[in-house]
Each structure stands twice: as structure tokens, then as C-alpha cells.
């Protein structure tokens, strides 16, 4: 299961919605370019995800800067990181 995590939702979402992140195979933190504008703590978010699901693969993604695009394309092409749902 893929979990999209939008920066504007807050960096504490994994701690509030434990089952969603615990059941996920991959977390994609999206809209990273908005992080500063919305007060999103880019360092805390992955730590919070790892606290809920230590083995969960995380991609931080920003279309504007290009961050994470290659890794995201690898997942789409090869289905990497989604093995639990196969």
C-alpha cells in the first residue's frame, strides 16, 4: 500500500494515524517545496514515520526542485518498495 503524505498536512500525521502508516509499504512525502511555507518540519516527518513503521521506505518528493523524482520513477517502473502488497 502506498501512503502519500502531503507537507501541508503537518509533520505529526504519522503519530496521529498509526494504522495507516503501519500498514503502508511505501510513504511518499509530497510537495516538499511547500515545507517551509506551511511550517512542515522536514527532519521530524521521516523520524515520525520511522517511529511508527521502522522498515517503511520513504521518498521525499518535489516536482519543483526535482527531489525524489528518479527514486519515484524507479518505484513506478519496477514496483520497488511495494513487495508486501504483491
C-alpha atoms as a PDB file:
ATOM      1  CA  UNK A   1       0.000   0.000   0.000  1.00  0.00           C
ATOM      2  CA  UNK A   2       1.249   3.432  -0.926  1.00  0.00           C
ATOM      3  CA  UNK A   3       0.745   6.297   1.503  1.00  0.00           C
ATOM      4  CA  UNK A   4       1.010   9.832   0.106  1.00  0.00           C
ATOM      5  CA  UNK A   5       1.908  12.296   2.817  1.00  0.00           C
ATOM      6  CA  UNK A   6       1.404  15.953   1.875  1.00  0.00           C
ATOM      7  CA  UNK A   7       3.567  18.512   3.692  1.00  0.00           C
ATOM      8  CA  UNK A   8       0.659  20.858   4.290  1.00  0.00           C
ATOM      9  CA  UNK A   9      -0.964  18.162   6.456  1.00  0.00           C
ATOM     10  CA  UNK A  10       1.667  18.553   9.175  1.00  0.00           C
ATOM     11  CA  UNK A  11       4.718  16.562  10.205  1.00  0.00           C
ATOM     12  CA  UNK A  12       2.844  14.838  13.061  1.00  0.00           C
ATOM     13  CA  UNK A  13       0.382  12.873  10.894  1.00  0.00           C
ATOM     14  CA  UNK A  14       2.173   9.509  11.249  1.00  0.00           C
ATOM     15  CA  UNK A  15       1.839   9.767  15.026  1.00  0.00           C
ATOM     16  CA  UNK A  16      -1.875  10.593  14.774  1.00  0.00           C
ATOM     17  CA  UNK A  17      -2.763   7.967  12.165  1.00  0.00           C
ATOM     18  CA  UNK A  18      -0.664   4.979  13.236  1.00  0.00           C
ATOM     19  CA  UNK A  19      -2.580   2.227  11.377  1.00  0.00           C
ATOM     20  CA  UNK A  20      -2.328   3.999   8.024  1.00  0.00           C
ATOM     21  CA  UNK A  21       1.444   4.306   8.172  1.00  0.00           C
ATOM     22  CA  UNK A  22       1.969   0.965   9.870  1.00  0.00           C
ATOM     23  CA  UNK A  23       0.137  -0.853   7.046  1.00  0.00           C
ATOM     24  CA  UNK A  24       1.918   1.018   4.249  1.00  0.00           C
ATOM     25  CA  UNK A  25       4.692  -0.422   2.067  1.00  0.00           C
ATOM     26  CA  UNK A  26       5.909   2.991   0.935  1.00  0.00           C
ATOM     27  CA  UNK A  27       5.465   6.562   2.171  1.00  0.00           C
ATOM     28  CA  UNK A  28       5.904   9.415  -0.277  1.00  0.00           C
ATOM     29  CA  UNK A  29       6.252  12.844   1.303  1.00  0.00           C
ATOM     30  CA  UNK A  30       4.911  15.143  -1.402  1.00  0.00           C
ATOM     31  CA  UNK A  31       5.045  18.872  -2.081  1.00  0.00           C
ATOM     32  CA  UNK A  32       8.364  19.197  -0.250  1.00  0.00           C
ATOM     33  CA  UNK A  33       8.826  22.609  -1.878  1.00  0.00           C
ATOM     34  CA  UNK A  34       5.971  23.922   0.326  1.00  0.00           C
ATOM     35  CA  UNK A  35       7.512  22.680   3.586  1.00  0.00           C
ATOM     36  CA  UNK A  36       8.928  25.980   4.795  1.00  0.00           C
ATOM     37  CA  UNK A  37       5.826  27.970   3.821  1.00  0.00           C
ATOM     38  CA  UNK A  38       3.477  25.689   5.792  1.00  0.00           C
ATOM     39  CA  UNK A  39       5.784  25.133   8.787  1.00  0.00           C
ATOM     40  CA  UNK A  40       6.454  21.498   7.942  1.00  0.00           C
ATOM     41  CA  UNK A  41       9.473  20.058   9.776  1.00  0.00           C
ATOM     42  CA  UNK A  42      11.220  18.046   7.063  1.00  0.00           C
ATOM     43  CA  UNK A  43      13.508  16.365   9.604  1.00  0.00           C
ATOM     44  CA  UNK A  44      10.735  15.334  12.032  1.00  0.00           C
ATOM     45  CA  UNK A  45       8.411  13.850   9.426  1.00  0.00           C
ATOM     46  CA  UNK A  46      10.651  10.910   8.423  1.00  0.00           C
ATOM     47  CA  UNK A  47      11.539  10.306  12.081  1.00  0.00           C
ATOM     48  CA  UNK A  48       7.828  10.172  12.932  1.00  0.00           C
ATOM     49  CA  UNK A  49       7.206   7.716  10.102  1.00  0.00           C
ATOM     50  CA  UNK A  50      10.121   5.546  11.244  1.00  0.00           C
ATOM     51  CA  UNK A  51       8.784   5.605  14.826  1.00  0.00           C
ATOM     52  CA  UNK A  52       5.533   4.071  13.569  1.00  0.00           C
ATOM     53  CA  UNK A  53       6.993   1.721  10.967  1.00  0.00           C
ATOM     54  CA  UNK A  54      10.803   1.372  11.181  1.00  0.00           C
ATOM     55  CA  UNK A  55      11.191  -0.571   7.920  1.00  0.00           C
ATOM     56  CA  UNK A  56       8.925   1.650   5.817  1.00  0.00           C
ATOM     57  CA  UNK A  57      10.635   3.028   2.715  1.00  0.00           C
ATOM     58  CA  UNK A  58      10.260   6.821   2.449  1.00  0.00           C
ATOM     59  CA  UNK A  59      10.617   9.003  -0.623  1.00  0.00           C
ATOM     60  CA  UNK A  60      10.647  12.779  -0.260  1.00  0.00           C
ATOM     61  CA  UNK A  61       9.271  14.268  -3.441  1.00  0.00           C
ATOM     62  CA  UNK A  62       9.178  17.731  -5.020  1.00  0.00           C
ATOM     63  CA  UNK A  63       8.269  18.348  -8.623  1.00  0.00           C
ATOM     64  CA  UNK A  64       9.559  21.912  -8.406  1.00  0.00           C
ATOM     65  CA  UNK A  65      13.099  21.008  -7.294  1.00  0.00           C
ATOM     66  CA  UNK A  66      13.210  17.515  -8.795  1.00  0.00           C
ATOM     67  CA  UNK A  67      13.948  15.949  -5.404  1.00  0.00           C
ATOM     68  CA  UNK A  68      12.926  12.287  -5.310  1.00  0.00           C
ATOM     69  CA  UNK A  69      11.719  12.100  -8.913  1.00  0.00           C
ATOM     70  CA  UNK A  70      14.245   9.444 -10.010  1.00  0.00           C
ATOM     71  CA  UNK A  71      13.502   7.290  -6.984  1.00  0.00           C
ATOM     72  CA  UNK A  72       9.728   7.669  -7.512  1.00  0.00           C
ATOM     73  CA  UNK A  73      10.091   6.654 -11.170  1.00  0.00           C
ATOM     74  CA  UNK A  74      12.075   3.569 -10.082  1.00  0.00           C
ATOM     75  CA  UNK A  75       9.165   2.572  -7.857  1.00  0.00           C
ATOM     76  CA  UNK A  76       6.645   3.088 -10.643  1.00  0.00           C
ATOM     77  CA  UNK A  77       8.685   1.175 -13.218  1.00  0.00           C
ATOM     78  CA  UNK A  78       9.936  -1.673 -11.047  1.00  0.00           C
ATOM     79  CA  UNK A  79       7.356  -1.718  -8.262  1.00  0.00           C
ATOM     80  CA  UNK A  80      10.269  -1.415  -5.793  1.00  0.00           C
ATOM     81  CA  UNK A  81       9.244  -0.973  -2.187  1.00  0.00           C
ATOM     82  CA  UNK A  82       5.755  -2.376  -2.665  1.00  0.00           C
ATOM     83  CA  UNK A  83       6.547  -6.040  -2.095  1.00  0.00           C
ATOM     84  CA  UNK A  84       4.164  -6.512   0.860  1.00  0.00           C
ATOM     85  CA  UNK A  85       1.144  -5.867  -1.343  1.00  0.00           C
ATOM     86  CA  UNK A  86       2.103  -8.349  -4.078  1.00  0.00           C
END
